[in-house]
PDB file of N, CA and C in Angstrom:
ATOM      1  N   MET A   1      38.849   6.285 -26.551  1.00  0.00           N
ATOM      2  CA  MET A   1      38.684   6.498 -25.529  1.00  0.00           C
ATOM      3  C   MET A   1      37.270   6.883 -25.484  1.00  0.00           C
ATOM      4  N   TYR A   2      36.827   7.580 -26.269  1.00  0.00           N
ATOM      5  CA  TYR A   2      35.119   7.949 -26.634  1.00  0.00           C
ATOM      6  C   TYR A   2      34.595   6.947 -26.903  1.00  0.00           C
ATOM      7  N   PHE A   3      34.836   6.015 -27.522  1.00  0.00           N
ATOM      8  CA  PHE A   3      34.328   4.739 -27.985  1.00  0.00           C
ATOM      9  C   PHE A   3      33.884   4.054 -26.933  1.00  0.00           C
ATOM     10  N   PHE A   4      34.406   3.748 -25.675  1.00  0.00           N
ATOM     11  CA  PHE A   4      34.507   3.007 -25.100  1.00  0.00           C
ATOM     12  C   PHE A   4      33.565   3.363 -23.777  1.00  0.00           C
ATOM     13  N   THR A   5      33.105   4.987 -23.889  1.00  0.00           N
ATOM     14  CA  THR A   5      32.264   5.890 -22.700  1.00  0.00           C
ATOM     15  C   THR A   5      31.205   4.970 -22.768  1.00  0.00           C
ATOM     16  N   PRO A   6      30.503   5.448 -24.118  1.00  0.00           N
ATOM     17  CA  PRO A   6      29.072   4.787 -24.838  1.00  0.00           C
ATOM     18  C   PRO A   6      28.587   3.568 -23.926  1.00  0.00           C
ATOM     19  N   LEU A   7      29.314   2.641 -24.548  1.00  0.00           N
ATOM     20  CA  LEU A   7      29.522   0.998 -24.132  1.00  0.00           C
ATOM     21  C   LEU A   7      29.688   1.101 -22.241  1.00  0.00           C
ATOM     22  N   PHE A   8      30.618   1.521 -21.810  1.00  0.00           N
ATOM     23  CA  PHE A   8      30.462   1.521 -20.044  1.00  0.00           C
ATOM     24  C   PHE A   8      29.013   1.947 -19.397  1.00  0.00           C
ATOM     25  N   LEU A   9      28.435   2.862 -20.146  1.00  0.00           N
ATOM     26  CA  LEU A   9      27.170   3.373 -19.774  1.00  0.00           C
ATOM     27  C   LEU A   9      26.576   2.343 -20.227  1.00  0.00           C
ATOM     28  N   ALA A  10      26.352   1.881 -21.380  1.00  0.00           N
ATOM     29  CA  ALA A  10      25.301   1.007 -21.455  1.00  0.00           C
ATOM     30  C   ALA A  10      25.393  -0.290 -20.607  1.00  0.00           C
ATOM     31  N   ALA A  11      26.918  -0.905 -20.518  1.00  0.00           N
ATOM     32  CA  ALA A  11      26.614  -1.860 -19.544  1.00  0.00           C
ATOM     33  C   ALA A  11      26.426  -1.764 -18.205  1.00  0.00           C
ATOM     34  N   LEU A  12      26.571  -0.172 -17.412  1.00  0.00           N
ATOM     35  CA  LEU A  12      26.213   0.195 -16.279  1.00  0.00           C
ATOM     36  C   LEU A  12      24.539   0.189 -15.721  1.00  0.00           C
ATOM     37  N   ALA A  13      23.585   0.595 -17.474  1.00  0.00           N
ATOM     38  CA  ALA A  13      22.461   0.380 -17.665  1.00  0.00           C
ATOM     39  C   ALA A  13      21.410  -1.115 -17.100  1.00  0.00           C
ATOM     40  N   LEU A  14      22.764  -1.962 -17.988  1.00  0.00           N
ATOM     41  CA  LEU A  14      21.781  -3.314 -18.470  1.00  0.00           C
ATOM     42  C   LEU A  14      22.020  -3.949 -16.790  1.00  0.00           C
ATOM     43  N   ALA A  15      23.000  -3.369 -16.021  1.00  0.00           N
ATOM     44  CA  ALA A  15      23.461  -4.193 -14.869  1.00  0.00           C
ATOM     45  C   ALA A  15      22.471  -3.688 -14.085  1.00  0.00           C
ATOM     46  N   ALA A  16      21.827  -2.529 -13.738  1.00  0.00           N
ATOM     47  CA  ALA A  16      20.824  -1.901 -13.197  1.00  0.00           C
ATOM     48  C   ALA A  16      19.932  -2.915 -12.360  1.00  0.00           C
ATOM     49  N   PRO A  17      19.365  -2.776 -11.480  1.00  0.00           N
ATOM     50  CA  PRO A  17      18.649  -3.845 -10.900  1.00  0.00           C
ATOM     51  C   PRO A  17      17.171  -3.097 -11.682  1.00  0.00           C
ATOM     52  N   GLN A  18      16.198  -4.102 -12.142  1.00  0.00           N
ATOM     53  CA  GLN A  18      14.982  -3.695 -12.464  1.00  0.00           C
ATOM     54  C   GLN A  18      14.150  -3.182 -11.772  1.00  0.00           C
ATOM     55  N   ASP A  19      14.262  -3.121 -10.496  1.00  0.00           N
ATOM     56  CA  ASP A  19      13.031  -2.479  -9.865  1.00  0.00           C
ATOM     57  C   ASP A  19      13.616  -1.174  -9.231  1.00  0.00           C
ATOM     58  N   ALA A  20      14.835  -0.502  -9.844  1.00  0.00           N
ATOM     59  CA  ALA A  20      15.419   0.566  -9.861  1.00  0.00           C
ATOM     60  C   ALA A  20      15.282   1.309 -11.300  1.00  0.00           C
ATOM     61  N   ILE A  21      14.698   0.692 -12.030  1.00  0.00           N
ATOM     62  CA  ILE A  21      14.534   1.263 -13.354  1.00  0.00           C
ATOM     63  C   ILE A  21      12.502   0.975 -13.685  1.00  0.00           C
ATOM     64  N   ARG A  22      12.106  -0.059 -12.822  1.00  0.00           N
ATOM     65  CA  ARG A  22      10.484   0.837 -13.033  1.00  0.00           C
ATOM     66  C   ARG A  22      10.169   0.830 -11.842  1.00  0.00           C
ATOM     67  N   ARG A  23       8.804   1.483 -11.992  1.00  0.00           N
ATOM     68  CA  ARG A  23       8.515   1.821 -10.579  1.00  0.00           C
ATOM     69  C   ARG A  23       7.391   0.551 -10.248  1.00  0.00           C
ATOM     70  N   SER A  24       7.178   0.828  -8.913  1.00  0.00           N
ATOM     71  CA  SER A  24       5.985  -0.052  -7.865  1.00  0.00           C
ATOM     72  C   SER A  24       4.567   0.224  -8.729  1.00  0.00           C
ATOM     73  N   PRO A  25       3.698  -0.440  -8.526  1.00  0.00           N
ATOM     74  CA  PRO A  25       2.356  -0.096  -8.846  1.00  0.00           C
ATOM     75  C   PRO A  25       1.696   0.683  -7.712  1.00  0.00           C
ATOM     76  N   SER A  26       2.193   1.139  -6.728  1.00  0.00           N
ATOM     77  CA  SER A  26       1.786   1.423  -5.415  1.00  0.00           C
ATOM     78  C   SER A  26       2.058   3.032  -5.520  1.00  0.00           C
ATOM     79  N   GLN A  27       3.004   3.115  -5.997  1.00  0.00           N
ATOM     80  CA  GLN A  27       3.678   4.323  -6.485  1.00  0.00           C
ATOM     81  C   GLN A  27       2.824   5.315  -7.320  1.00  0.00           C
ATOM     82  N   CYS A  28       2.479   6.612  -6.797  1.00  0.00           N
ATOM     83  CA  CYS A  28       1.744   7.528  -7.575  1.00  0.00           C
ATOM     84  C   CYS A  28       2.724   8.383  -9.150  1.00  0.00           C
ATOM     85  N   PRO A  29       2.221   8.821  -9.852  1.00  0.00           N
ATOM     86  CA  PRO A  29       2.997   9.619 -10.723  1.00  0.00           C
ATOM     87  C   PRO A  29       3.403  11.326 -10.394  1.00  0.00           C
ATOM     88  N   SER A  30       4.586  11.109 -10.989  1.00  0.00           N
ATOM     89  CA  SER A  30       5.225  13.080  -9.866  1.00  0.00           C
ATOM     90  C   SER A  30       4.370  13.794 -10.548  1.00  0.00           C
ATOM     91  N   GLY A  31       4.086  14.824  -9.566  1.00  0.00           N
ATOM     92  CA  GLY A  31       3.513  16.070  -9.723  1.00  0.00           C
ATOM     93  C   GLY A  31       1.964  15.598  -9.496  1.00  0.00           C
ATOM     94  N   ALA A  32       1.763  14.664  -9.155  1.00  0.00           N
ATOM     95  CA  ALA A  32       0.518  14.668  -9.201  1.00  0.00           C
ATOM     96  C   ALA A  32      -0.682  14.965  -7.508  1.00  0.00           C
ATOM     97  N   TYR A  33      -1.620  15.189  -7.450  1.00  0.00           N
ATOM     98  CA  TYR A  33      -2.279  16.053  -6.400  1.00  0.00           C
ATOM     99  C   TYR A  33      -3.264  15.248  -5.534  1.00  0.00           C
ATOM    100  N   GLN A  34      -3.053  14.336  -4.354  1.00  0.00           N
ATOM    101  CA  GLN A  34      -4.260  14.365  -3.599  1.00  0.00           C
ATOM    102  C   GLN A  34      -5.066  14.993  -2.542  1.00  0.00           C
ATOM    103  N   CYS A  35      -6.324  14.878  -2.010  1.00  0.00           N
ATOM    104  CA  CYS A  35      -6.458  15.501  -0.856  1.00  0.00           C
ATOM    105  C   CYS A  35      -6.136  14.281  -0.082  1.00  0.00           C
ATOM    106  N   SER A  36      -5.976  14.618   1.495  1.00  0.00           N
ATOM    107  CA  SER A  36      -5.228  13.943   2.743  1.00  0.00           C
ATOM    108  C   SER A  36      -6.591  13.016   2.979  1.00  0.00           C
ATOM    109  N   SER A  37      -5.653  12.036   3.643  1.00  0.00           N
ATOM    110  CA  SER A  37      -7.439  11.365   3.531  1.00  0.00           C
ATOM    111  C   SER A  37      -8.314  11.844   4.973  1.00  0.00           C
ATOM    112  N   ASP A  38      -7.959  12.962   5.771  1.00  0.00           N
ATOM    113  CA  ASP A  38      -8.773  13.110   6.412  1.00  0.00           C
ATOM    114  C   ASP A  38      -9.680  14.503   6.079  1.00  0.00           C
ATOM    115  N   LEU A  39      -9.175  15.027   4.940  1.00  0.00           N
ATOM    116  CA  LEU A  39      -9.508  15.957   4.105  1.00  0.00           C
ATOM    117  C   LEU A  39      -9.015  17.496   4.530  1.00  0.00           C
ATOM    118  N   ALA A  40      -8.220  17.401   5.134  1.00  0.00           N
ATOM    119  CA  ALA A  40      -7.495  18.816   6.007  1.00  0.00           C
ATOM    120  C   ALA A  40      -6.973  19.233   5.102  1.00  0.00           C
ATOM    121  N   GLY A  41      -6.379  18.918   4.414  1.00  0.00           N
ATOM    122  CA  GLY A  41      -5.101  19.183   3.657  1.00  0.00           C
ATOM    123  C   GLY A  41      -4.697  18.369   2.395  1.00  0.00           C
ATOM    124  N   TRP A  42      -3.700  18.769   1.324  1.00  0.00           N
ATOM    125  CA  TRP A  42      -3.610  18.052   0.526  1.00  0.00           C
ATOM    126  C   TRP A  42      -1.714  17.147   0.312  1.00  0.00           C
ATOM    127  N   GLU A  43      -1.872  16.744  -0.756  1.00  0.00           N
ATOM    128  CA  GLU A  43      -0.693  16.267  -0.350  1.00  0.00           C
ATOM    129  C   GLU A  43       0.153  16.495  -1.992  1.00  0.00           C
ATOM    130  N   VAL A  44       1.065  15.748  -2.114  1.00  0.00           N
ATOM    131  CA  VAL A  44       1.379  16.090  -3.927  1.00  0.00           C
ATOM    132  C   VAL A  44       2.976  14.444  -3.573  1.00  0.00           C
ATOM    133  N   CYS A  45       2.604  14.186  -4.796  1.00  0.00           N
ATOM    134  CA  CYS A  45       3.857  13.019  -5.428  1.00  0.00           C
ATOM    135  C   CYS A  45       5.012  13.312  -5.583  1.00  0.00           C
ATOM    136  N   ASN A  46       6.119  13.567  -4.943  1.00  0.00           N
ATOM    137  CA  ASN A  46       7.471  13.918  -5.348  1.00  0.00           C
ATOM    138  C   ASN A  46       7.980  13.314  -6.320  1.00  0.00           C
ATOM    139  N   ALA A  47       9.199  13.456  -6.932  1.00  0.00           N
ATOM    140  CA  ALA A  47       9.849  12.810  -8.230  1.00  0.00           C
ATOM    141  C   ALA A  47      10.489  11.316  -7.477  1.00  0.00           C
ATOM    142  N   HIS A  48      10.231  10.239  -6.278  1.00  0.00           N
ATOM    143  CA  HIS A  48      10.677   9.380  -5.904  1.00  0.00           C
ATOM    144  C   HIS A  48       9.260   8.663  -5.881  1.00  0.00           C
ATOM    145  N   GLY A  49       7.852   8.982  -6.040  1.00  0.00           N
ATOM    146  CA  GLY A  49       6.296   8.247  -6.169  1.00  0.00           C
ATOM    147  C   GLY A  49       5.884   8.011  -4.789  1.00  0.00           C
ATOM    148  N   GLU A  50       6.158   9.186  -3.861  1.00  0.00           N
ATOM    149  CA  GLU A  50       5.860   9.505  -2.983  1.00  0.00           C
ATOM    150  C   GLU A  50       5.050  10.189  -2.459  1.00  0.00           C
ATOM    151  N   TRP A  51       3.941  10.252  -2.115  1.00  0.00           N
ATOM    152  CA  TRP A  51       2.980  11.061  -1.033  1.00  0.00           C
ATOM    153  C   TRP A  51       3.559  12.036  -0.229  1.00  0.00           C
ATOM    154  N   ILE A  52       3.656  13.066  -0.132  1.00  0.00           N
ATOM    155  CA  ILE A  52       3.957  14.277   0.732  1.00  0.00           C
ATOM    156  C   ILE A  52       3.649  15.301   0.796  1.00  0.00           C
ATOM    157  N   ASN A  53       2.880  15.677   2.135  1.00  0.00           N
ATOM    158  CA  ASN A  53       2.367  16.835   2.657  1.00  0.00           C
ATOM    159  C   ASN A  53       2.866  18.214   1.683  1.00  0.00           C
ATOM    160  N   ALA A  54       1.746  18.785   1.598  1.00  0.00           N
ATOM    161  CA  ALA A  54       1.940  19.711   0.830  1.00  0.00           C
ATOM    162  C   ALA A  54       1.094  21.033   0.976  1.00  0.00           C
ATOM    163  N   GLY A  55       0.142  21.009   2.128  1.00  0.00           N
ATOM    164  CA  GLY A  55      -0.459  22.347   2.524  1.00  0.00           C
ATOM    165  C   GLY A  55      -2.007  21.452   3.264  1.00  0.00           C
ATOM    166  N   THR A  56      -2.239  22.466   4.342  1.00  0.00           N
ATOM    167  CA  THR A  56      -3.561  22.522   5.001  1.00  0.00           C
ATOM    168  C   THR A  56      -4.730  23.249   5.164  1.00  0.00           C
ATOM    169  N   CYS A  57      -5.516  23.050   5.118  1.00  0.00           N
ATOM    170  CA  CYS A  57      -6.429  23.667   5.389  1.00  0.00           C
ATOM    171  C   CYS A  57      -6.810  24.546   6.299  1.00  0.00           C
ATOM    172  N   GLN A  58      -7.388  26.117   6.050  1.00  0.00           N
ATOM    173  CA  GLN A  58      -7.204  26.746   7.380  1.00  0.00           C
ATOM    174  C   GLN A  58      -9.255  26.915   7.739  1.00  0.00           C
ATOM    175  N   ASN A  59      -9.630  27.037   9.116  1.00  0.00           N
ATOM    176  CA  ASN A  59     -10.882  27.740   9.513  1.00  0.00           C
ATOM    177  C   ASN A  59     -11.595  26.731   9.398  1.00  0.00           C
ATOM    178  N   GLN A  60     -11.165  25.439   9.370  1.00  0.00           N
ATOM    179  CA  GLN A  60     -12.524  24.037   9.776  1.00  0.00           C
ATOM    180  C   GLN A  60     -12.970  24.038   7.896  1.00  0.00           C
ATOM    181  N   SER A  61     -11.868  24.448   6.991  1.00  0.00           N
ATOM    182  CA  SER A  61     -12.211  23.762   5.585  1.00  0.00           C
ATOM    183  C   SER A  61     -11.619  22.565   4.892  1.00  0.00           C
ATOM    184  N   SER A  62     -12.299  21.995   4.131  1.00  0.00           N
ATOM    185  CA  SER A  62     -11.447  21.093   3.660  1.00  0.00           C
ATOM    186  C   SER A  62     -11.361  20.960   2.526  1.00  0.00           C
ATOM    187  N   CYS A  63     -10.683  20.041   1.639  1.00  0.00           N
ATOM    188  CA  CYS A  63      -9.927  20.206   0.665  1.00  0.00           C
ATOM    189  C   CYS A  63     -10.507  19.354  -0.309  1.00  0.00           C
ATOM    190  N   TYR A  64     -10.744  19.793  -1.502  1.00  0.00           N
ATOM    191  CA  TYR A  64     -11.259  19.044  -2.828  1.00  0.00           C
ATOM    192  C   TYR A  64     -10.925  18.948  -3.861  1.00  0.00           C
ATOM    193  N   ILE A  65     -10.683  18.420  -5.149  1.00  0.00           N
ATOM    194  CA  ILE A  65      -9.787  18.352  -5.906  1.00  0.00           C
ATOM    195  C   ILE A  65     -11.125  19.123  -7.331  1.00  0.00           C
ATOM    196  N   HIS A  66     -10.632  20.396  -7.616  1.00  0.00           N
ATOM    197  CA  HIS A  66     -11.358  20.926  -8.870  1.00  0.00           C
ATOM    198  C   HIS A  66     -11.688  20.315  -9.778  1.00  0.00           C
ATOM    199  N   PRO A  67     -12.777  19.876 -10.371  1.00  0.00           N
ATOM    200  CA  PRO A  67     -12.889  18.823 -11.390  1.00  0.00           C
ATOM    201  C   PRO A  67     -12.179  19.220 -12.891  1.00  0.00           C
ATOM    202  N   HIS A  68     -12.030  20.908 -12.936  1.00  0.00           N
ATOM    203  CA  HIS A  68     -11.538  21.257 -14.615  1.00  0.00           C
ATOM    204  C   HIS A  68     -10.487  21.278 -14.361  1.00  0.00           C
ATOM    205  N   ASN A  69      -9.092  21.810 -13.630  1.00  0.00           N
ATOM    206  CA  ASN A  69      -7.774  21.742 -13.469  1.00  0.00           C
ATOM    207  C   ASN A  69      -7.319  20.495 -12.171  1.00  0.00           C
ATOM    208  N   ASN A  70      -8.099  19.497 -11.784  1.00  0.00           N
ATOM    209  CA  ASN A  70      -7.686  18.309 -11.190  1.00  0.00           C
ATOM    210  C   ASN A  70      -6.289  18.982  -9.982  1.00  0.00           C
ATOM    211  N   LEU A  71      -7.062  20.639  -9.563  1.00  0.00           N
ATOM    212  CA  LEU A  71      -5.539  20.848  -8.696  1.00  0.00           C
ATOM    213  C   LEU A  71      -7.075  21.112  -6.973  1.00  0.00           C
ATOM    214  N   PRO A  72      -6.107  20.542  -6.226  1.00  0.00           N
ATOM    215  CA  PRO A  72      -6.393  20.867  -4.727  1.00  0.00           C
ATOM    216  C   PRO A  72      -6.753  22.347  -4.182  1.00  0.00           C
ATOM    217  N   TYR A  73      -7.642  22.264  -3.472  1.00  0.00           N
ATOM    218  CA  TYR A  73      -8.224  23.977  -2.866  1.00  0.00           C
ATOM    219  C   TYR A  73      -9.387  23.004  -1.672  1.00  0.00           C
ATOM    220  N   CYS A  74      -9.164  24.505  -0.974  1.00  0.00           N
ATOM    221  CA  CYS A  74      -9.610  24.387   0.306  1.00  0.00           C
ATOM    222  C   CYS A  74     -10.594  25.204   0.621  1.00  0.00           C
ATOM    223  N   THR A  75     -12.374  24.919   0.949  1.00  0.00           N
ATOM    224  CA  THR A  75     -13.513  24.906   0.970  1.00  0.00           C
ATOM    225  C   THR A  75     -14.491  24.934   2.168  1.00  0.00           C
ATOM    226  N   GLU A  76     -15.306  25.661   2.382  1.00  0.00           N
ATOM    227  CA  GLU A  76     -16.122  25.419   3.421  1.00  0.00           C
ATOM    228  C   GLU A  76     -17.758  24.757   2.610  1.00  0.00           C
ATOM    229  N   SER A  77     -18.128  24.593   1.165  1.00  0.00           N
ATOM    230  CA  SER A  77     -19.252  24.536   0.790  1.00  0.00           C
ATOM    231  C   SER A  77     -18.909  23.831  -0.995  1.00  0.00           C
ATOM    232  N   ALA A  78     -18.529  22.911  -1.254  1.00  0.00           N
ATOM    233  CA  ALA A  78     -18.177  21.860  -2.540  1.00  0.00           C
ATOM    234  C   ALA A  78     -18.274  20.643  -1.775  1.00  0.00           C
ATOM    235  N   LYS A  79     -18.227  19.339  -2.935  1.00  0.00           N
ATOM    236  CA  LYS A  79     -18.374  18.541  -2.775  1.00  0.00           C
ATOM    237  C   LYS A  79     -17.140  17.148  -2.618  1.00  0.00           C
ATOM    238  N   PRO A  80     -17.264  16.849  -1.606  1.00  0.00           N
ATOM    239  CA  PRO A  80     -15.669  16.303  -1.407  1.00  0.00           C
ATOM    240  C   PRO A  80     -15.488  15.279  -2.423  1.00  0.00           C
ATOM    241  N   SER A  81     -13.715  15.427  -2.750  1.00  0.00           N
ATOM    242  CA  SER A  81     -13.457  14.518  -3.776  1.00  0.00           C
ATOM    243  C   SER A  81     -11.921  14.190  -3.151  1.00  0.00           C
ATOM    244  N   THR A  82     -11.802  13.106  -3.319  1.00  0.00           N
ATOM    245  CA  THR A  82     -10.094  12.475  -2.671  1.00  0.00           C
ATOM    246  C   THR A  82      -9.193  11.902  -3.403  1.00  0.00           C
ATOM    247  N   ALA A  83     -10.117  12.138  -5.121  1.00  0.00           N
ATOM    248  CA  ALA A  83      -9.880  11.371  -6.183  1.00  0.00           C
ATOM    249  C   ALA A  83      -8.016  12.047  -6.579  1.00  0.00           C
ATOM    250  N   VAL A  84      -7.316  11.143  -6.989  1.00  0.00           N
ATOM    251  CA  VAL A  84      -5.925  11.725  -7.358  1.00  0.00           C
ATOM    252  C   VAL A  84      -6.321  12.427  -9.132  1.00  0.00           C
ATOM    253  N   ALA A  85      -5.468  13.744  -8.894  1.00  0.00           N
ATOM    254  CA  ALA A  85      -5.242  14.163  -9.633  1.00  0.00           C
ATOM    255  C   ALA A  85      -4.180  14.020 -11.133  1.00  0.00           C
TER     256      ALA A  85
END
């Protein structure tokens, strides 16, 4: 019985569609951050490779990516950056 379990799991893995195993090039790396396109907030990449809203800047400030730790922050006086962290 225990011998057949690994074989069954291996057969399931081989039968899985390849697009379910490999990510699309358009998907983001899980845990990455980026500023929203309007710089009014930031987004985080979820486990499915999709960008989701993670926060909003307050008081007319804009989102920037910190150059040392690649994390988003909101400020009124910095160079804008929409690069993916």
